[in-house]
mmCIF file of all heavy atoms, coordinates in Angstrom:
data_MODEL
# 
_entry.id   MODEL 
# 
loop_
_atom_site.group_PDB 
_atom_site.id 
_atom_site.type_symbol 
_atom_site.label_atom_id 
_atom_site.label_alt_id 
_atom_site.label_comp_id 
_atom_site.label_asym_id 
_atom_site.label_entity_id 
_atom_site.label_seq_id 
_atom_site.pdbx_PDB_ins_code 
_atom_site.Cartn_x 
_atom_site.Cartn_y 
_atom_site.Cartn_z 
_atom_site.occupancy 
_atom_site.B_iso_or_equiv 
_atom_site.pdbx_formal_charge 
_atom_site.auth_seq_id 
_atom_site.auth_comp_id 
_atom_site.auth_asym_id 
_atom_site.auth_atom_id 
_atom_site.pdbx_PDB_model_num 
ATOM 1   N N   . LEU A 1 1  ? -18.152 -16.665 -14.697 1.00 0.00 ? 1  LEU A N   1 
ATOM 2   C CA  . LEU A 1 1  ? -16.825 -16.175 -15.060 1.00 0.00 ? 1  LEU A CA  1 
ATOM 3   C C   . LEU A 1 1  ? -16.918 -14.790 -15.581 1.00 0.00 ? 1  LEU A C   1 
ATOM 4   O O   . LEU A 1 1  ? -17.731 -14.670 -16.612 1.00 0.00 ? 1  LEU A O   1 
ATOM 5   C CB  . LEU A 1 1  ? -16.020 -17.167 -15.867 1.00 0.00 ? 1  LEU A CB  1 
ATOM 6   C CG  . LEU A 1 1  ? -15.890 -18.613 -15.396 1.00 0.00 ? 1  LEU A CG  1 
ATOM 7   C CD1 . LEU A 1 1  ? -15.184 -19.498 -16.438 1.00 0.00 ? 1  LEU A CD1 1 
ATOM 8   C CD2 . LEU A 1 1  ? -15.080 -18.483 -14.120 1.00 0.00 ? 1  LEU A CD2 1 
ATOM 9   N N   . GLN A 1 2  ? -16.345 -13.823 -15.040 1.00 0.00 ? 2  GLN A N   1 
ATOM 10  C CA  . GLN A 1 2  ? -16.539 -12.432 -15.512 1.00 0.00 ? 2  GLN A CA  1 
ATOM 11  C C   . GLN A 1 2  ? -15.197 -11.884 -15.958 1.00 0.00 ? 2  GLN A C   1 
ATOM 12  O O   . GLN A 1 2  ? -14.112 -12.285 -15.410 1.00 0.00 ? 2  GLN A O   1 
ATOM 13  C CB  . GLN A 1 2  ? -17.190 -11.620 -14.478 1.00 0.00 ? 2  GLN A CB  1 
ATOM 14  C CG  . GLN A 1 2  ? -18.641 -12.081 -14.049 1.00 0.00 ? 2  GLN A CG  1 
ATOM 15  C CD  . GLN A 1 2  ? -19.098 -11.225 -12.874 1.00 0.00 ? 2  GLN A CD  1 
ATOM 16  O OE1 . GLN A 1 2  ? -18.437 -10.993 -11.906 1.00 0.00 ? 2  GLN A OE1 1 
ATOM 17  N NE2 . GLN A 1 2  ? -20.323 -10.702 -13.108 1.00 0.00 ? 2  GLN A NE2 1 
ATOM 18  N N   . ASN A 1 3  ? -15.238 -10.880 -16.820 1.00 0.00 ? 3  ASN A N   1 
ATOM 19  C CA  . ASN A 1 3  ? -14.029 -10.181 -17.286 1.00 0.00 ? 3  ASN A CA  1 
ATOM 20  C C   . ASN A 1 3  ? -12.932 -11.048 -17.829 1.00 0.00 ? 3  ASN A C   1 
ATOM 21  O O   . ASN A 1 3  ? -11.829 -10.753 -17.639 1.00 0.00 ? 3  ASN A O   1 
ATOM 22  C CB  . ASN A 1 3  ? -13.570 -9.248  -16.084 1.00 0.00 ? 3  ASN A CB  1 
ATOM 23  C CG  . ASN A 1 3  ? -14.552 -8.313  -15.609 1.00 0.00 ? 3  ASN A CG  1 
ATOM 24  O OD1 . ASN A 1 3  ? -15.298 -7.657  -16.384 1.00 0.00 ? 3  ASN A OD1 1 
ATOM 25  N ND2 . ASN A 1 3  ? -14.606 -8.134  -14.355 1.00 0.00 ? 3  ASN A ND2 1 
ATOM 26  N N   . MET A 1 4  ? -13.343 -12.084 -18.516 1.00 0.00 ? 4  MET A N   1 
ATOM 27  C CA  . MET A 1 4  ? -12.363 -13.055 -19.003 1.00 0.00 ? 4  MET A CA  1 
ATOM 28  C C   . MET A 1 4  ? -11.497 -12.424 -20.028 1.00 0.00 ? 4  MET A C   1 
ATOM 29  O O   . MET A 1 4  ? -10.349 -12.892 -20.354 1.00 0.00 ? 4  MET A O   1 
ATOM 30  C CB  . MET A 1 4  ? -13.005 -14.341 -19.444 1.00 0.00 ? 4  MET A CB  1 
ATOM 31  C CG  . MET A 1 4  ? -13.667 -15.165 -18.377 1.00 0.00 ? 4  MET A CG  1 
ATOM 32  S SD  . MET A 1 4  ? -12.573 -15.548 -16.909 1.00 0.00 ? 4  MET A SD  1 
ATOM 33  C CE  . MET A 1 4  ? -11.730 -16.949 -17.741 1.00 0.00 ? 4  MET A CE  1 
ATOM 34  N N   . GLU A 1 5  ? -11.996 -11.380 -20.613 1.00 0.00 ? 5  GLU A N   1 
ATOM 35  C CA  . GLU A 1 5  ? -11.208 -10.714 -21.688 1.00 0.00 ? 5  GLU A CA  1 
ATOM 36  C C   . GLU A 1 5  ? -9.949  -9.984  -21.118 1.00 0.00 ? 5  GLU A C   1 
ATOM 37  O O   . GLU A 1 5  ? -9.046  -9.593  -21.827 1.00 0.00 ? 5  GLU A O   1 
ATOM 38  C CB  . GLU A 1 5  ? -12.038 -9.699  -22.458 1.00 0.00 ? 5  GLU A CB  1 
ATOM 39  C CG  . GLU A 1 5  ? -12.415 -8.384  -21.788 1.00 0.00 ? 5  GLU A CG  1 
ATOM 40  C CD  . GLU A 1 5  ? -13.634 -8.525  -20.844 1.00 0.00 ? 5  GLU A CD  1 
ATOM 41  O OE1 . GLU A 1 5  ? -14.036 -9.698  -20.600 1.00 0.00 ? 5  GLU A OE1 1 
ATOM 42  O OE2 . GLU A 1 5  ? -14.007 -7.520  -20.298 1.00 0.00 ? 5  GLU A OE2 1 
ATOM 43  N N   . MET A 1 6  ? -9.909  -9.921  -19.825 1.00 0.00 ? 6  MET A N   1 
ATOM 44  C CA  . MET A 1 6  ? -8.913  -9.237  -19.061 1.00 0.00 ? 6  MET A CA  1 
ATOM 45  C C   . MET A 1 6  ? -7.679  -10.109 -18.721 1.00 0.00 ? 6  MET A C   1 
ATOM 46  O O   . MET A 1 6  ? -6.753  -9.887  -18.079 1.00 0.00 ? 6  MET A O   1 
ATOM 47  C CB  . MET A 1 6  ? -9.283  -8.456  -17.762 1.00 0.00 ? 6  MET A CB  1 
ATOM 48  C CG  . MET A 1 6  ? -10.400 -7.501  -18.080 1.00 0.00 ? 6  MET A CG  1 
ATOM 49  S SD  . MET A 1 6  ? -9.930  -6.276  -19.344 1.00 0.00 ? 6  MET A SD  1 
ATOM 50  C CE  . MET A 1 6  ? -8.848  -5.256  -18.422 1.00 0.00 ? 6  MET A CE  1 
ATOM 51  N N   . ILE A 1 7  ? -7.817  -11.429 -19.291 1.00 0.00 ? 7  ILE A N   1 
ATOM 52  C CA  . ILE A 1 7  ? -6.646  -12.361 -19.157 1.00 0.00 ? 7  ILE A CA  1 
ATOM 53  C C   . ILE A 1 7  ? -5.395  -11.673 -19.634 1.00 0.00 ? 7  ILE A C   1 
ATOM 54  O O   . ILE A 1 7  ? -5.353  -11.127 -20.711 1.00 0.00 ? 7  ILE A O   1 
ATOM 55  C CB  . ILE A 1 7  ? -6.951  -13.632 -19.898 1.00 0.00 ? 7  ILE A CB  1 
ATOM 56  C CG1 . ILE A 1 7  ? -8.085  -14.364 -19.349 1.00 0.00 ? 7  ILE A CG1 1 
ATOM 57  C CG2 . ILE A 1 7  ? -5.748  -14.555 -19.794 1.00 0.00 ? 7  ILE A CG2 1 
ATOM 58  C CD1 . ILE A 1 7  ? -8.636  -15.570 -20.155 1.00 0.00 ? 7  ILE A CD1 1 
ATOM 59  N N   . GLN A 1 8  ? -4.273  -11.714 -18.799 1.00 0.00 ? 8  GLN A N   1 
ATOM 60  C CA  . GLN A 1 8  ? -3.106  -11.260 -19.287 1.00 0.00 ? 8  GLN A CA  1 
ATOM 61  C C   . GLN A 1 8  ? -2.469  -12.239 -20.351 1.00 0.00 ? 8  GLN A C   1 
ATOM 62  O O   . GLN A 1 8  ? -2.389  -13.445 -20.005 1.00 0.00 ? 8  GLN A O   1 
ATOM 63  C CB  . GLN A 1 8  ? -2.113  -10.909 -18.111 1.00 0.00 ? 8  GLN A CB  1 
ATOM 64  C CG  . GLN A 1 8  ? -0.773  -10.379 -18.697 1.00 0.00 ? 8  GLN A CG  1 
ATOM 65  C CD  . GLN A 1 8  ? 0.262   -10.143 -17.576 1.00 0.00 ? 8  GLN A CD  1 
ATOM 66  O OE1 . GLN A 1 8  ? 0.036   -10.480 -16.407 1.00 0.00 ? 8  GLN A OE1 1 
ATOM 67  N NE2 . GLN A 1 8  ? 1.282   -9.555  -18.016 1.00 0.00 ? 8  GLN A NE2 1 
ATOM 68  N N   . PHE A 1 9  ? -2.062  -11.817 -21.397 1.00 0.00 ? 9  PHE A N   1 
ATOM 69  C CA  . PHE A 1 9  ? -1.463  -12.630 -22.417 1.00 0.00 ? 9  PHE A CA  1 
ATOM 70  C C   . PHE A 1 9  ? -0.359  -11.859 -23.122 1.00 0.00 ? 9  PHE A C   1 
ATOM 71  O O   . PHE A 1 9  ? -0.235  -10.716 -23.002 1.00 0.00 ? 9  PHE A O   1 
ATOM 72  C CB  . PHE A 1 9  ? -2.472  -13.143 -23.448 1.00 0.00 ? 9  PHE A CB  1 
ATOM 73  C CG  . PHE A 1 9  ? -3.200  -11.893 -24.143 1.00 0.00 ? 9  PHE A CG  1 
ATOM 74  C CD1 . PHE A 1 9  ? -2.717  -11.443 -25.347 1.00 0.00 ? 9  PHE A CD1 1 
ATOM 75  C CD2 . PHE A 1 9  ? -4.286  -11.339 -23.639 1.00 0.00 ? 9  PHE A CD2 1 
ATOM 76  C CE1 . PHE A 1 9  ? -3.205  -10.386 -25.955 1.00 0.00 ? 9  PHE A CE1 1 
ATOM 77  C CE2 . PHE A 1 9  ? -4.896  -10.189 -24.243 1.00 0.00 ? 9  PHE A CE2 1 
ATOM 78  C CZ  . PHE A 1 9  ? -4.277  -9.748  -25.464 1.00 0.00 ? 9  PHE A CZ  1 
ATOM 79  N N   . HIS A 1 10 ? 0.510   -12.613 -23.748 1.00 0.00 ? 10 HIS A N   1 
ATOM 80  C CA  . HIS A 1 10 ? 1.574   -12.023 -24.530 1.00 0.00 ? 10 HIS A CA  1 
ATOM 81  C C   . HIS A 1 10 ? 1.514   -12.534 -25.964 1.00 0.00 ? 10 HIS A C   1 
ATOM 82  O O   . HIS A 1 10 ? 1.550   -13.752 -26.215 1.00 0.00 ? 10 HIS A O   1 
ATOM 83  C CB  . HIS A 1 10 ? 2.906   -12.432 -23.903 1.00 0.00 ? 10 HIS A CB  1 
ATOM 84  C CG  . HIS A 1 10 ? 4.009   -11.435 -24.076 1.00 0.00 ? 10 HIS A CG  1 
ATOM 85  N ND1 . HIS A 1 10 ? 4.581   -11.384 -25.342 1.00 0.00 ? 10 HIS A ND1 1 
ATOM 86  C CD2 . HIS A 1 10 ? 4.574   -10.543 -23.245 1.00 0.00 ? 10 HIS A CD2 1 
ATOM 87  C CE1 . HIS A 1 10 ? 5.515   -10.413 -25.240 1.00 0.00 ? 10 HIS A CE1 1 
ATOM 88  N NE2 . HIS A 1 10 ? 5.544   -9.927  -23.996 1.00 0.00 ? 10 HIS A NE2 1 
ATOM 89  N N   . PRO A 1 11 ? 1.419   -11.555 -26.914 1.00 0.00 ? 11 PRO A N   1 
ATOM 90  C CA  . PRO A 1 11 ? 1.306   -12.003 -28.292 1.00 0.00 ? 11 PRO A CA  1 
ATOM 91  C C   . PRO A 1 11 ? 2.454   -12.494 -29.012 1.00 0.00 ? 11 PRO A C   1 
ATOM 92  O O   . PRO A 1 11 ? 2.381   -13.146 -29.927 1.00 0.00 ? 11 PRO A O   1 
ATOM 93  C CB  . PRO A 1 11 ? 0.764   -10.750 -28.996 1.00 0.00 ? 11 PRO A CB  1 
ATOM 94  C CG  . PRO A 1 11 ? 1.311   -9.520  -28.158 1.00 0.00 ? 11 PRO A CG  1 
ATOM 95  C CD  . PRO A 1 11 ? 1.323   -10.101 -26.795 1.00 0.00 ? 11 PRO A CD  1 
ATOM 96  N N   . THR A 1 12 ? 3.706   -12.248 -28.455 1.00 0.00 ? 12 THR A N   1 
ATOM 97  C CA  . THR A 1 12 ? 4.946   -12.724 -29.127 1.00 0.00 ? 12 THR A CA  1 
ATOM 98  C C   . THR A 1 12 ? 5.691   -13.599 -28.157 1.00 0.00 ? 12 THR A C   1 
ATOM 99  O O   . THR A 1 12 ? 6.172   -13.249 -27.123 1.00 0.00 ? 12 THR A O   1 
ATOM 100 C CB  . THR A 1 12 ? 5.801   -11.603 -29.602 1.00 0.00 ? 12 THR A CB  1 
ATOM 101 O OG1 . THR A 1 12 ? 5.949   -10.649 -28.531 1.00 0.00 ? 12 THR A OG1 1 
ATOM 102 C CG2 . THR A 1 12 ? 5.086   -10.848 -30.750 1.00 0.00 ? 12 THR A CG2 1 
ATOM 103 N N   . LEU A 1 13 ? 5.913   -14.870 -28.733 1.00 0.00 ? 13 LEU A N   1 
ATOM 104 C CA  . LEU A 1 13 ? 6.618   -15.960 -27.945 1.00 0.00 ? 13 LEU A CA  1 
ATOM 105 C C   . LEU A 1 13 ? 7.720   -16.398 -28.881 1.00 0.00 ? 13 LEU A C   1 
ATOM 106 O O   . LEU A 1 13 ? 7.575   -16.447 -30.031 1.00 0.00 ? 13 LEU A O   1 
ATOM 107 C CB  . LEU A 1 13 ? 5.749   -17.050 -27.543 1.00 0.00 ? 13 LEU A CB  1 
ATOM 108 C CG  . LEU A 1 13 ? 4.432   -16.705 -26.710 1.00 0.00 ? 13 LEU A CG  1 
ATOM 109 C CD1 . LEU A 1 13 ? 3.551   -18.030 -26.611 1.00 0.00 ? 13 LEU A CD1 1 
ATOM 110 C CD2 . LEU A 1 13 ? 4.906   -16.319 -25.364 1.00 0.00 ? 13 LEU A CD2 1 
ATOM 111 N N   . LEU A 1 14 ? 8.767   -16.911 -28.228 1.00 0.00 ? 14 LEU A N   1 
ATOM 112 C CA  . LEU A 1 14 ? 9.868   -17.639 -28.930 1.00 0.00 ? 14 LEU A CA  1 
ATOM 113 C C   . LEU A 1 14 ? 9.530   -19.123 -28.897 1.00 0.00 ? 14 LEU A C   1 
ATOM 114 O O   . LEU A 1 14 ? 9.331   -19.657 -27.727 1.00 0.00 ? 14 LEU A O   1 
ATOM 115 C CB  . LEU A 1 14 ? 11.252  -17.327 -28.229 1.00 0.00 ? 14 LEU A CB  1 
ATOM 116 C CG  . LEU A 1 14 ? 12.438  -18.007 -28.972 1.00 0.00 ? 14 LEU A CG  1 
ATOM 117 C CD1 . LEU A 1 14 ? 12.486  -17.509 -30.375 1.00 0.00 ? 14 LEU A CD1 1 
ATOM 118 C CD2 . LEU A 1 14 ? 13.676  -17.712 -28.132 1.00 0.00 ? 14 LEU A CD2 1 
ATOM 119 N N   . GLY A 1 15 ? 9.434   -19.724 -29.968 1.00 0.00 ? 15 GLY A N   1 
ATOM 120 C CA  . GLY A 1 15 ? 9.035   -21.108 -29.968 1.00 0.00 ? 15 GLY A CA  1 
ATOM 121 C C   . GLY A 1 15 ? 8.393   -21.650 -31.241 1.00 0.00 ? 15 GLY A C   1 
ATOM 122 O O   . GLY A 1 15 ? 8.602   -21.121 -32.373 1.00 0.00 ? 15 GLY A O   1 
ATOM 123 N N   . THR A 1 16 ? 7.703   -22.687 -31.077 1.00 0.00 ? 16 THR A N   1 
ATOM 124 C CA  . THR A 1 16 ? 6.986   -23.375 -32.224 1.00 0.00 ? 16 THR A CA  1 
ATOM 125 C C   . THR A 1 16 ? 5.523   -23.291 -31.968 1.00 0.00 ? 16 THR A C   1 
ATOM 126 O O   . THR A 1 16 ? 5.112   -22.861 -30.824 1.00 0.00 ? 16 THR A O   1 
ATOM 127 C CB  . THR A 1 16 ? 7.419   -24.820 -32.316 1.00 0.00 ? 16 THR A CB  1 
ATOM 128 O OG1 . THR A 1 16 ? 6.820   -25.557 -31.113 1.00 0.00 ? 16 THR A OG1 1 
ATOM 129 C CG2 . THR A 1 16 ? 8.918   -25.095 -32.389 1.00 0.00 ? 16 THR A CG2 1 
ATOM 130 N N   . PRO A 1 17 ? 4.693   -23.644 -32.959 1.00 0.00 ? 17 PRO A N   1 
ATOM 131 C CA  . PRO A 1 17 ? 3.331   -23.595 -32.679 1.00 0.00 ? 17 PRO A CA  1 
ATOM 132 C C   . PRO A 1 17 ? 2.772   -24.574 -31.557 1.00 0.00 ? 17 PRO A C   1 
ATOM 133 O O   . PRO A 1 17 ? 1.743   -24.316 -30.958 1.00 0.00 ? 17 PRO A O   1 
ATOM 134 C CB  . PRO A 1 17 ? 2.619   -24.104 -34.005 1.00 0.00 ? 17 PRO A CB  1 
ATOM 135 C CG  . PRO A 1 17 ? 3.652   -23.750 -35.033 1.00 0.00 ? 17 PRO A CG  1 
ATOM 136 C CD  . PRO A 1 17 ? 5.012   -23.883 -34.357 1.00 0.00 ? 17 PRO A CD  1 
ATOM 137 N N   . GLN A 1 18 ? 3.598   -25.448 -31.189 1.00 0.00 ? 18 GLN A N   1 
ATOM 138 C CA  . GLN A 1 18 ? 3.248   -26.415 -30.130 1.00 0.00 ? 18 GLN A CA  1 
ATOM 139 C C   . GLN A 1 18 ? 3.881   -26.087 -28.792 1.00 0.00 ? 18 GLN A C   1 
ATOM 140 O O   . GLN A 1 18 ? 3.394   -26.438 -27.754 1.00 0.00 ? 18 GLN A O   1 
ATOM 141 C CB  . GLN A 1 18 ? 3.728   -27.827 -30.457 1.00 0.00 ? 18 GLN A CB  1 
ATOM 142 C CG  . GLN A 1 18 ? 3.046   -28.539 -31.580 1.00 0.00 ? 18 GLN A CG  1 
ATOM 143 C CD  . GLN A 1 18 ? 3.421   -27.942 -32.933 1.00 0.00 ? 18 GLN A CD  1 
ATOM 144 O OE1 . GLN A 1 18 ? 4.619   -27.606 -33.069 1.00 0.00 ? 18 GLN A OE1 1 
ATOM 145 N NE2 . GLN A 1 18 ? 2.471   -27.775 -33.850 1.00 0.00 ? 18 GLN A NE2 1 
ATOM 146 N N   . ARG A 1 19 ? 5.001   -25.247 -28.744 1.00 0.00 ? 19 ARG A N   1 
ATOM 147 C CA  . ARG A 1 19 ? 5.711   -25.061 -27.512 1.00 0.00 ? 19 ARG A CA  1 
ATOM 148 C C   . ARG A 1 19 ? 6.339   -23.737 -27.434 1.00 0.00 ? 19 ARG A C   1 
ATOM 149 O O   . ARG A 1 19 ? 6.983   -23.321 -28.454 1.00 0.00 ? 19 ARG A O   1 
ATOM 150 C CB  . ARG A 1 19 ? 6.739   -26.168 -27.237 1.00 0.00 ? 19 ARG A CB  1 
ATOM 151 C CG  . ARG A 1 19 ? 7.469   -25.931 -25.952 1.00 0.00 ? 19 ARG A CG  1 
ATOM 152 C CD  . ARG A 1 19 ? 8.188   -27.183 -25.472 1.00 0.00 ? 19 ARG A CD  1 
ATOM 153 N NE  . ARG A 1 19 ? 8.860   -26.991 -24.213 1.00 0.00 ? 19 ARG A NE  1 
ATOM 154 C CZ  . ARG A 1 19 ? 10.051  -27.207 -23.978 1.00 0.00 ? 19 ARG A CZ  1 
ATOM 155 N NH1 . ARG A 1 19 ? 10.821  -27.782 -24.775 1.00 0.00 ? 19 ARG A NH1 1 
ATOM 156 N NH2 . ARG A 1 19 ? 10.508  -26.931 -22.778 1.00 0.00 ? 19 ARG A NH2 1 
ATOM 157 N N   . ALA A 1 20 ? 6.228   -22.977 -26.308 1.00 0.00 ? 20 ALA A N   1 
ATOM 158 C CA  . ALA A 1 20 ? 6.856   -21.736 -26.153 1.00 0.00 ? 20 ALA A CA  1 
ATOM 159 C C   . ALA A 1 20 ? 8.045   -21.953 -25.356 1.00 0.00 ? 20 ALA A C   1 
ATOM 160 O O   . ALA A 1 20 ? 8.045   -22.671 -24.345 1.00 0.00 ? 20 ALA A O   1 
ATOM 161 C CB  . ALA A 1 20 ? 5.870   -20.709 -25.473 1.00 0.00 ? 20 ALA A CB  1 
ATOM 162 N N   . TYR A 1 21 ? 9.206   -21.278 -25.721 1.00 0.00 ? 21 TYR A N   1 
ATOM 163 C CA  . TYR A 1 21 ? 10.399  -21.358 -24.997 1.00 0.00 ? 21 TYR A CA  1 
ATOM 164 C C   . TYR A 1 21 ? 10.545  -20.042 -24.129 1.00 0.00 ? 21 TYR A C   1 
ATOM 165 O O   . TYR A 1 21 ? 11.503  -20.028 -23.305 1.00 0.00 ? 21 TYR A O   1 
ATOM 166 C CB  . TYR A 1 21 ? 11.591  -21.586 -25.892 1.00 0.00 ? 21 TYR A CB  1 
ATOM 167 C CG  . TYR A 1 21 ? 11.496  -22.875 -26.580 1.00 0.00 ? 21 TYR A CG  1 
ATOM 168 C CD1 . TYR A 1 21 ? 11.043  -22.966 -27.949 1.00 0.00 ? 21 TYR A CD1 1 
ATOM 169 C CD2 . TYR A 1 21 ? 11.811  -24.055 -25.992 1.00 0.00 ? 21 TYR A CD2 1 
ATOM 170 C CE1 . TYR A 1 21 ? 10.892  -24.228 -28.560 1.00 0.00 ? 21 TYR A CE1 1 
ATOM 171 C CE2 . TYR A 1 21 ? 11.744  -25.265 -26.626 1.00 0.00 ? 21 TYR A CE2 1 
ATOM 172 C CZ  . TYR A 1 21 ? 11.279  -25.324 -27.949 1.00 0.00 ? 21 TYR A CZ  1 
ATOM 173 O OH  . TYR A 1 21 ? 11.145  -26.529 -28.514 1.00 0.00 ? 21 TYR A OH  1 
ATOM 174 N N   . GLY A 1 22 ? 9.855   -19.079 -24.418 1.00 0.00 ? 22 GLY A N   1 
ATOM 175 C CA  . GLY A 1 22 ? 9.962   -17.891 -23.654 1.00 0.00 ? 22 GLY A CA  1 
ATOM 176 C C   . GLY A 1 22 ? 9.243   -16.740 -24.360 1.00 0.00 ? 22 GLY A C   1 
ATOM 177 O O   . GLY A 1 22 ? 8.861   -16.766 -25.447 1.00 0.00 ? 22 GLY A O   1 
ATOM 178 N N   . LEU A 1 23 ? 9.189   -15.641 -23.593 1.00 0.00 ? 23 LEU A N   1 
ATOM 179 C CA  . LEU A 1 23 ? 8.491   -14.349 -24.171 1.00 0.00 ? 23 LEU A CA  1 
ATOM 180 C C   . LEU A 1 23 ? 9.491   -13.567 -24.943 1.00 0.00 ? 23 LEU A C   1 
ATOM 181 O O   . LEU A 1 23 ? 10.721  -13.540 -24.615 1.00 0.00 ? 23 LEU A O   1 
ATOM 182 C CB  . LEU A 1 23 ? 8.025   -13.473 -22.999 1.00 0.00 ? 23 LEU A CB  1 
ATOM 183 C CG  . LEU A 1 23 ? 6.974   -14.242 -22.074 1.00 0.00 ? 23 LEU A CG  1 
ATOM 184 C CD1 . LEU A 1 23 ? 6.680   -13.171 -20.974 1.00 0.00 ? 23 LEU A CD1 1 
ATOM 185 C CD2 . LEU A 1 23 ? 5.678   -14.496 -22.783 1.00 0.00 ? 23 LEU A CD2 1 
ATOM 186 N N   . VAL A 1 24 ? 9.032   -12.906 -26.029 1.00 0.00 ? 24 VAL A N   1 
ATOM 187 C CA  . VAL A 1 24 ? 9.724   -11.953 -26.662 1.00 0.00 ? 24 VAL A CA  1 
ATOM 188 C C   . VAL A 1 24 ? 9.214   -10.563 -26.242 1.00 0.00 ? 24 VAL A C   1 
ATOM 189 O O   . VAL A 1 24 ? 8.041   -10.334 -26.503 1.00 0.00 ? 24 VAL A O   1 
ATOM 190 C CB  . VAL A 1 24 ? 9.765   -12.082 -28.176 1.00 0.00 ? 24 VAL A CB  1 
ATOM 191 C CG1 . VAL A 1 24 ? 10.502  -10.972 -28.857 1.00 0.00 ? 24 VAL A CG1 1 
ATOM 192 C CG2 . VAL A 1 24 ? 10.295  -13.436 -28.552 1.00 0.00 ? 24 VAL A CG2 1 
ATOM 193 N N   . SER A 1 25 ? 9.955   -9.833  -25.489 1.00 0.00 ? 25 SER A N   1 
ATOM 194 C CA  . SER A 1 25 ? 9.497   -8.472  -24.856 1.00 0.00 ? 25 SER A CA  1 
ATOM 195 C C   . SER A 1 25 ? 8.853   -7.594  -25.951 1.00 0.00 ? 25 SER A C   1 
ATOM 196 O O   . SER A 1 25 ? 9.363   -7.498  -26.993 1.00 0.00 ? 25 SER A O   1 
ATOM 197 C CB  . SER A 1 25 ? 10.589  -7.889  -24.142 1.00 0.00 ? 25 SER A CB  1 
ATOM 198 O OG  . SER A 1 25 ? 10.241  -6.570  -23.787 1.00 0.00 ? 25 SER A OG  1 
# 
């Protein structure tokens, strides 16, 4: 597995520590 640091992720979510309800742009 290469370049795994390039995973797209989003640091701010609307939700709880257990569940995301959506992204906060």
